[in-house]
Amino acid sequence: MTTALTIAEILDQPALVPLWPTVGRALGLAESTTYQLAAQDRLGIEVIRLGRRRFARTVDLHHFLGLLPETHENDGAGSSHPTPPDENALTNQH
């Protein structure tokens, strides 16, 4: 039986992680199931092939698991919610 990764272990990963064991264990999947879902493009996370090895971006894994908020690519600031202007700065303009 495969032991799932803890949230702390998932958050303490480098930018690119191997599909197995890291992604599979984080999702609580067996090795064969992890590779099968990736081959069928049903894993839910983009798989990056480097030679014969398969990897995923850690940030994609974090988003998939709900550990980070979703961001919108078009907002320029990298935040999903724009910051409202400081009310004091608006009233103090002359």
N, C-alpha and C. Protein backbone atom coordinates (compact mmCIF):
# COMPACT_ATOMS: atom_id res chain seq x y z
N MET A 1 0.85 -1.18 0.00
CA MET A 1 0.00 0.00 0.00
C MET A 1 0.89 1.24 0.00
N THR A 2 0.51 2.25 -0.77
CA THR A 2 1.26 3.49 -0.89
C THR A 2 0.82 4.46 0.19
N THR A 3 1.79 5.10 0.83
CA THR A 3 1.50 6.09 1.85
C THR A 3 1.38 7.46 1.19
N ALA A 4 0.29 8.15 1.41
CA ALA A 4 0.08 9.49 0.84
C ALA A 4 1.02 10.49 1.49
N LEU A 5 1.37 11.52 0.74
CA LEU A 5 2.19 12.60 1.28
C LEU A 5 1.35 13.50 2.16
N THR A 6 1.98 14.08 3.17
CA THR A 6 1.30 15.06 4.01
C THR A 6 1.31 16.41 3.29
N ILE A 7 0.49 17.33 3.75
CA ILE A 7 0.46 18.68 3.16
C ILE A 7 1.83 19.33 3.31
N ALA A 8 2.47 19.17 4.46
CA ALA A 8 3.80 19.75 4.69
C ALA A 8 4.81 19.19 3.68
N GLU A 9 4.75 17.89 3.42
CA GLU A 9 5.66 17.27 2.45
C GLU A 9 5.39 17.79 1.04
N ILE A 10 4.13 17.99 0.71
CA ILE A 10 3.77 18.49 -0.62
C ILE A 10 4.27 19.93 -0.79
N LEU A 11 4.10 20.75 0.23
CA LEU A 11 4.51 22.15 0.14
C LEU A 11 6.03 22.32 0.14
N ASP A 12 6.76 21.28 0.56
CA ASP A 12 8.21 21.35 0.67
C ASP A 12 8.90 20.69 -0.53
N GLN A 13 8.31 20.79 -1.70
CA GLN A 13 8.86 20.16 -2.91
C GLN A 13 9.52 21.21 -3.80
N PRO A 14 10.46 20.77 -4.66
CA PRO A 14 11.08 21.70 -5.63
C PRO A 14 10.05 22.09 -6.71
N ALA A 15 10.44 22.97 -7.60
CA ALA A 15 9.52 23.51 -8.62
C ALA A 15 8.99 22.45 -9.58
N LEU A 16 9.76 21.41 -9.84
CA LEU A 16 9.36 20.34 -10.75
C LEU A 16 9.50 19.03 -9.99
N VAL A 17 8.43 18.23 -9.99
CA VAL A 17 8.45 16.98 -9.22
C VAL A 17 8.15 15.80 -10.14
N PRO A 18 8.69 14.62 -9.82
CA PRO A 18 8.43 13.45 -10.64
C PRO A 18 6.98 13.00 -10.51
N LEU A 19 6.47 12.48 -11.61
CA LEU A 19 5.09 11.98 -11.62
C LEU A 19 4.93 10.89 -10.57
N TRP A 20 5.91 9.98 -10.53
CA TRP A 20 5.93 8.97 -9.48
C TRP A 20 7.28 9.01 -8.80
N PRO A 21 7.36 9.09 -7.50
CA PRO A 21 6.28 8.87 -6.56
C PRO A 21 5.56 10.13 -6.10
N THR A 22 6.12 11.31 -6.34
CA THR A 22 5.61 12.52 -5.70
C THR A 22 4.16 12.84 -6.06
N VAL A 23 3.86 13.00 -7.35
CA VAL A 23 2.49 13.37 -7.74
C VAL A 23 1.52 12.26 -7.37
N GLY A 24 1.87 11.04 -7.70
CA GLY A 24 0.99 9.92 -7.40
C GLY A 24 0.69 9.80 -5.91
N ARG A 25 1.71 9.90 -5.09
CA ARG A 25 1.50 9.79 -3.64
C ARG A 25 0.70 10.97 -3.11
N ALA A 26 0.94 12.18 -3.66
CA ALA A 26 0.19 13.36 -3.21
C ALA A 26 -1.29 13.20 -3.51
N LEU A 27 -1.60 12.49 -4.60
CA LEU A 27 -2.99 12.27 -4.98
C LEU A 27 -3.55 10.98 -4.37
N GLY A 28 -2.71 10.24 -3.67
CA GLY A 28 -3.14 9.00 -3.05
C GLY A 28 -3.38 7.87 -4.04
N LEU A 29 -2.62 7.88 -5.14
CA LEU A 29 -2.79 6.89 -6.19
C LEU A 29 -1.66 5.86 -6.18
N ALA A 30 -1.94 4.69 -6.71
CA ALA A 30 -0.91 3.68 -6.91
C ALA A 30 -0.07 4.08 -8.12
N GLU A 31 1.12 3.53 -8.23
CA GLU A 31 2.02 3.87 -9.33
C GLU A 31 1.39 3.57 -10.68
N SER A 32 0.81 2.40 -10.84
CA SER A 32 0.22 2.04 -12.14
C SER A 32 -0.94 2.95 -12.50
N THR A 33 -1.75 3.31 -11.52
CA THR A 33 -2.88 4.21 -11.76
C THR A 33 -2.39 5.59 -12.15
N THR A 34 -1.35 6.08 -11.49
CA THR A 34 -0.78 7.39 -11.80
C THR A 34 -0.34 7.45 -13.25
N TYR A 35 0.44 6.46 -13.68
CA TYR A 35 0.93 6.45 -15.06
C TYR A 35 -0.20 6.22 -16.07
N GLN A 36 -1.17 5.40 -15.71
CA GLN A 36 -2.29 5.16 -16.62
C GLN A 36 -3.11 6.43 -16.84
N LEU A 37 -3.43 7.14 -15.77
CA LEU A 37 -4.19 8.39 -15.90
C LEU A 37 -3.40 9.43 -16.69
N ALA A 38 -2.09 9.50 -16.46
CA ALA A 38 -1.26 10.45 -17.20
C ALA A 38 -1.24 10.10 -18.69
N ALA A 39 -1.14 8.81 -19.02
CA ALA A 39 -1.12 8.38 -20.42
C ALA A 39 -2.44 8.68 -21.11
N GLN A 40 -3.53 8.65 -20.36
CA GLN A 40 -4.86 8.93 -20.91
C GLN A 40 -5.22 10.41 -20.82
N ASP A 41 -4.28 11.23 -20.35
CA ASP A 41 -4.49 12.67 -20.16
C ASP A 41 -5.69 12.93 -19.25
N ARG A 42 -5.83 12.12 -18.20
CA ARG A 42 -6.94 12.24 -17.26
C ARG A 42 -6.44 12.51 -15.84
N LEU A 43 -5.18 12.88 -15.68
CA LEU A 43 -4.63 13.08 -14.34
C LEU A 43 -5.12 14.38 -13.71
N GLY A 44 -5.43 15.38 -14.52
CA GLY A 44 -5.88 16.66 -13.99
C GLY A 44 -4.75 17.64 -13.77
N ILE A 45 -3.53 17.21 -14.05
CA ILE A 45 -2.33 18.05 -13.92
C ILE A 45 -1.52 17.86 -15.19
N GLU A 46 -0.99 18.96 -15.74
CA GLU A 46 -0.17 18.85 -16.94
C GLU A 46 1.08 18.03 -16.66
N VAL A 47 1.36 17.07 -17.52
CA VAL A 47 2.53 16.22 -17.38
C VAL A 47 3.59 16.69 -18.37
N ILE A 48 4.80 16.86 -17.88
CA ILE A 48 5.93 17.31 -18.69
C ILE A 48 6.86 16.12 -18.91
N ARG A 49 7.13 15.82 -20.16
CA ARG A 49 8.03 14.70 -20.48
C ARG A 49 9.42 15.24 -20.74
N LEU A 50 10.39 14.67 -20.06
CA LEU A 50 11.80 14.96 -20.28
C LEU A 50 12.48 13.62 -20.54
N GLY A 51 12.68 13.32 -21.81
CA GLY A 51 13.18 12.00 -22.16
C GLY A 51 12.10 10.98 -21.84
N ARG A 52 12.47 9.95 -21.09
CA ARG A 52 11.51 8.92 -20.71
C ARG A 52 10.82 9.22 -19.39
N ARG A 53 11.30 10.24 -18.70
CA ARG A 53 10.74 10.57 -17.38
C ARG A 53 9.60 11.56 -17.51
N ARG A 54 8.70 11.53 -16.54
CA ARG A 54 7.54 12.43 -16.54
C ARG A 54 7.55 13.24 -15.24
N PHE A 55 7.24 14.52 -15.38
CA PHE A 55 7.24 15.44 -14.25
C PHE A 55 5.98 16.29 -14.27
N ALA A 56 5.77 17.01 -13.18
CA ALA A 56 4.69 18.01 -13.10
C ALA A 56 5.24 19.21 -12.36
N ARG A 57 4.69 20.37 -12.67
CA ARG A 57 5.07 21.57 -11.92
C ARG A 57 4.41 21.51 -10.55
N THR A 58 5.19 21.80 -9.54
CA THR A 58 4.68 21.76 -8.17
C THR A 58 3.52 22.73 -7.98
N VAL A 59 3.59 23.89 -8.59
CA VAL A 59 2.51 24.87 -8.45
C VAL A 59 1.21 24.32 -9.02
N ASP A 60 1.28 23.53 -10.10
CA ASP A 60 0.07 22.90 -10.65
C ASP A 60 -0.50 21.88 -9.66
N LEU A 61 0.38 21.13 -9.01
CA LEU A 61 -0.06 20.18 -8.00
C LEU A 61 -0.71 20.90 -6.83
N HIS A 62 -0.11 22.00 -6.40
CA HIS A 62 -0.67 22.79 -5.29
C HIS A 62 -2.06 23.30 -5.64
N HIS A 63 -2.21 23.84 -6.86
CA HIS A 63 -3.53 24.34 -7.30
C HIS A 63 -4.55 23.21 -7.37
N PHE A 64 -4.15 22.08 -7.93
CA PHE A 64 -5.06 20.94 -8.07
C PHE A 64 -5.55 20.47 -6.71
N LEU A 65 -4.68 20.49 -5.72
CA LEU A 65 -5.05 20.04 -4.37
C LEU A 65 -5.72 21.13 -3.55
N GLY A 66 -5.82 22.34 -4.11
CA GLY A 66 -6.48 23.43 -3.39
C GLY A 66 -5.60 24.06 -2.32
N LEU A 67 -4.29 23.89 -2.45
CA LEU A 67 -3.37 24.46 -1.47
C LEU A 67 -2.99 25.90 -1.78
N LEU A 68 -3.24 26.35 -3.01
CA LEU A 68 -2.98 27.73 -3.43
C LEU A 68 -4.22 28.25 -4.15
N PRO A 69 -4.50 29.54 -4.02
CA PRO A 69 -5.65 30.09 -4.76
C PRO A 69 -5.35 30.14 -6.25
N GLU A 70 -6.40 30.05 -7.04
CA GLU A 70 -6.26 30.18 -8.49
C GLU A 70 -5.88 31.62 -8.82
N THR A 71 -5.05 31.80 -9.83
CA THR A 71 -4.69 33.14 -10.30
C THR A 71 -5.14 33.27 -11.74
N HIS A 72 -5.36 34.49 -12.14
CA HIS A 72 -5.76 34.77 -13.51
C HIS A 72 -4.55 35.31 -14.25
N GLU A 73 -4.28 34.78 -15.43
CA GLU A 73 -3.10 35.19 -16.19
C GLU A 73 -3.20 36.61 -16.71
N ASN A 74 -4.39 37.15 -16.88
CA ASN A 74 -4.56 38.44 -17.53
C ASN A 74 -4.57 39.62 -16.57
N ASP A 75 -4.43 39.40 -15.26
CA ASP A 75 -4.54 40.54 -14.36
C ASP A 75 -3.23 41.28 -14.14
N GLY A 76 -2.12 40.79 -14.69
CA GLY A 76 -0.87 41.51 -14.65
C GLY A 76 -0.16 41.47 -13.31
N ALA A 77 -0.88 41.45 -12.22
CA ALA A 77 -0.26 41.49 -10.90
C ALA A 77 -0.05 40.10 -10.33
N GLY A 78 -0.59 39.07 -10.97
CA GLY A 78 -0.46 37.72 -10.47
C GLY A 78 -1.40 37.41 -9.33
N SER A 79 -2.38 38.27 -9.11
CA SER A 79 -3.34 38.08 -8.03
C SER A 79 -4.72 37.86 -8.62
N SER A 80 -5.50 37.01 -7.98
CA SER A 80 -6.83 36.76 -8.50
C SER A 80 -7.82 37.85 -8.09
N HIS A 81 -7.46 38.67 -7.10
CA HIS A 81 -8.33 39.74 -6.66
C HIS A 81 -7.55 41.05 -6.68
N PRO A 82 -8.03 42.04 -7.45
CA PRO A 82 -7.32 43.32 -7.46
C PRO A 82 -7.40 43.99 -6.09
N THR A 83 -6.34 44.68 -5.74
CA THR A 83 -6.30 45.39 -4.47
C THR A 83 -7.00 46.73 -4.63
N PRO A 84 -7.97 47.04 -3.77
CA PRO A 84 -8.65 48.33 -3.89
C PRO A 84 -7.69 49.46 -3.54
N PRO A 85 -7.89 50.64 -4.12
CA PRO A 85 -7.01 51.75 -3.79
C PRO A 85 -7.19 52.17 -2.33
N ASP A 86 -6.13 52.72 -1.77
CA ASP A 86 -6.16 53.19 -0.39
C ASP A 86 -7.09 54.40 -0.31
N GLU A 87 -8.12 54.30 0.52
CA GLU A 87 -9.13 55.36 0.62
C GLU A 87 -8.50 56.67 1.11
N ASN A 88 -7.55 56.60 2.04
CA ASN A 88 -6.89 57.80 2.56
C ASN A 88 -6.10 58.50 1.47
N ALA A 89 -5.47 57.75 0.59
CA ALA A 89 -4.69 58.36 -0.48
C ALA A 89 -5.61 59.11 -1.45
N LEU A 90 -6.83 58.62 -1.65
CA LEU A 90 -7.76 59.27 -2.55
C LEU A 90 -8.31 60.57 -1.96
N THR A 91 -8.57 60.60 -0.64
CA THR A 91 -9.14 61.79 -0.01
C THR A 91 -8.09 62.85 0.27
N ASN A 92 -6.82 62.48 0.32
CA ASN A 92 -5.77 63.45 0.62
C ASN A 92 -5.19 64.11 -0.63
N GLN A 93 -5.72 63.78 -1.82
CA GLN A 93 -5.23 64.42 -3.04
C GLN A 93 -5.76 65.84 -3.12
N HIS A 94 -4.92 66.77 -3.52
CA HIS A 94 -5.34 68.18 -3.61
C HIS A 94 -5.52 68.60 -5.01
